[in-house]
Amino acid sequence: MLDGIFKVLGTIEKIASTIAAAFMFAIMMIVFSDVIMRYVFNRPFSWAYDLISMYLMAGVFFLVLSEAYTSRAHVSVDILQQKFSPAMIRLSEMVTCVIGIVVFSLIAYLGFLRAVDSFQSADVMAGAIPWPMWPSIGLVPFGAGLITIRLAAHLIAHLLTLATGRELIALPASHVAGETFE
């Protein structure tokens, strides 16, 4: 069952990361076009900053949180873990998961409430184009919720690995190989 959850999460994370990559490409194209319009035609896009800062950057950040955690692309201070036994490493990973679940579930919950409120009150950004705010705000609970689910699945996998002795989730590669900082 846990494998099925990991597979579904992986699929959702790949889709979200693909959307984030499209957002990043859109940012590059908009900035490039805006520079051309500004310096060649003296007609910069009045909407570019708002679109990039409110929608595209939020999407780039929040849509890749979970996949970055899964692929261990986040910054990790693991100098102490290098001296731990595999069981202690699992316990420290479980503590990390619990703290992450608390923090990200709170962000997801409060972000969801804020997005719903923004949608119901039809909030728009003051600017050249009255962009609706709820899609941008909605990226926060989506990304935070996805990483919360991923952290919960990792917590369960680490717990079951400790309980059964059957490795359901691998330890970080640097610990398995015995690499050290020194």
Foldseek 3Di string as FASTA:
>chain_A
DLVVLVVVLVVQLVVLQVVLVVLVVVLVVLVVVQVCCCPVVVHGDFCNVVCNPQANVLSNPLSNVQVCVVVVVDDDDCQVVLPDDPLVLLVVLLVVLVVLLVVLVVQLVVLVVVLVVQVVVQQFDPTPDGHRRNVSSNSRNVSSVSNSSSSVSSNVQSVVCVVPVDRPDDGPPCNVVSPHPD
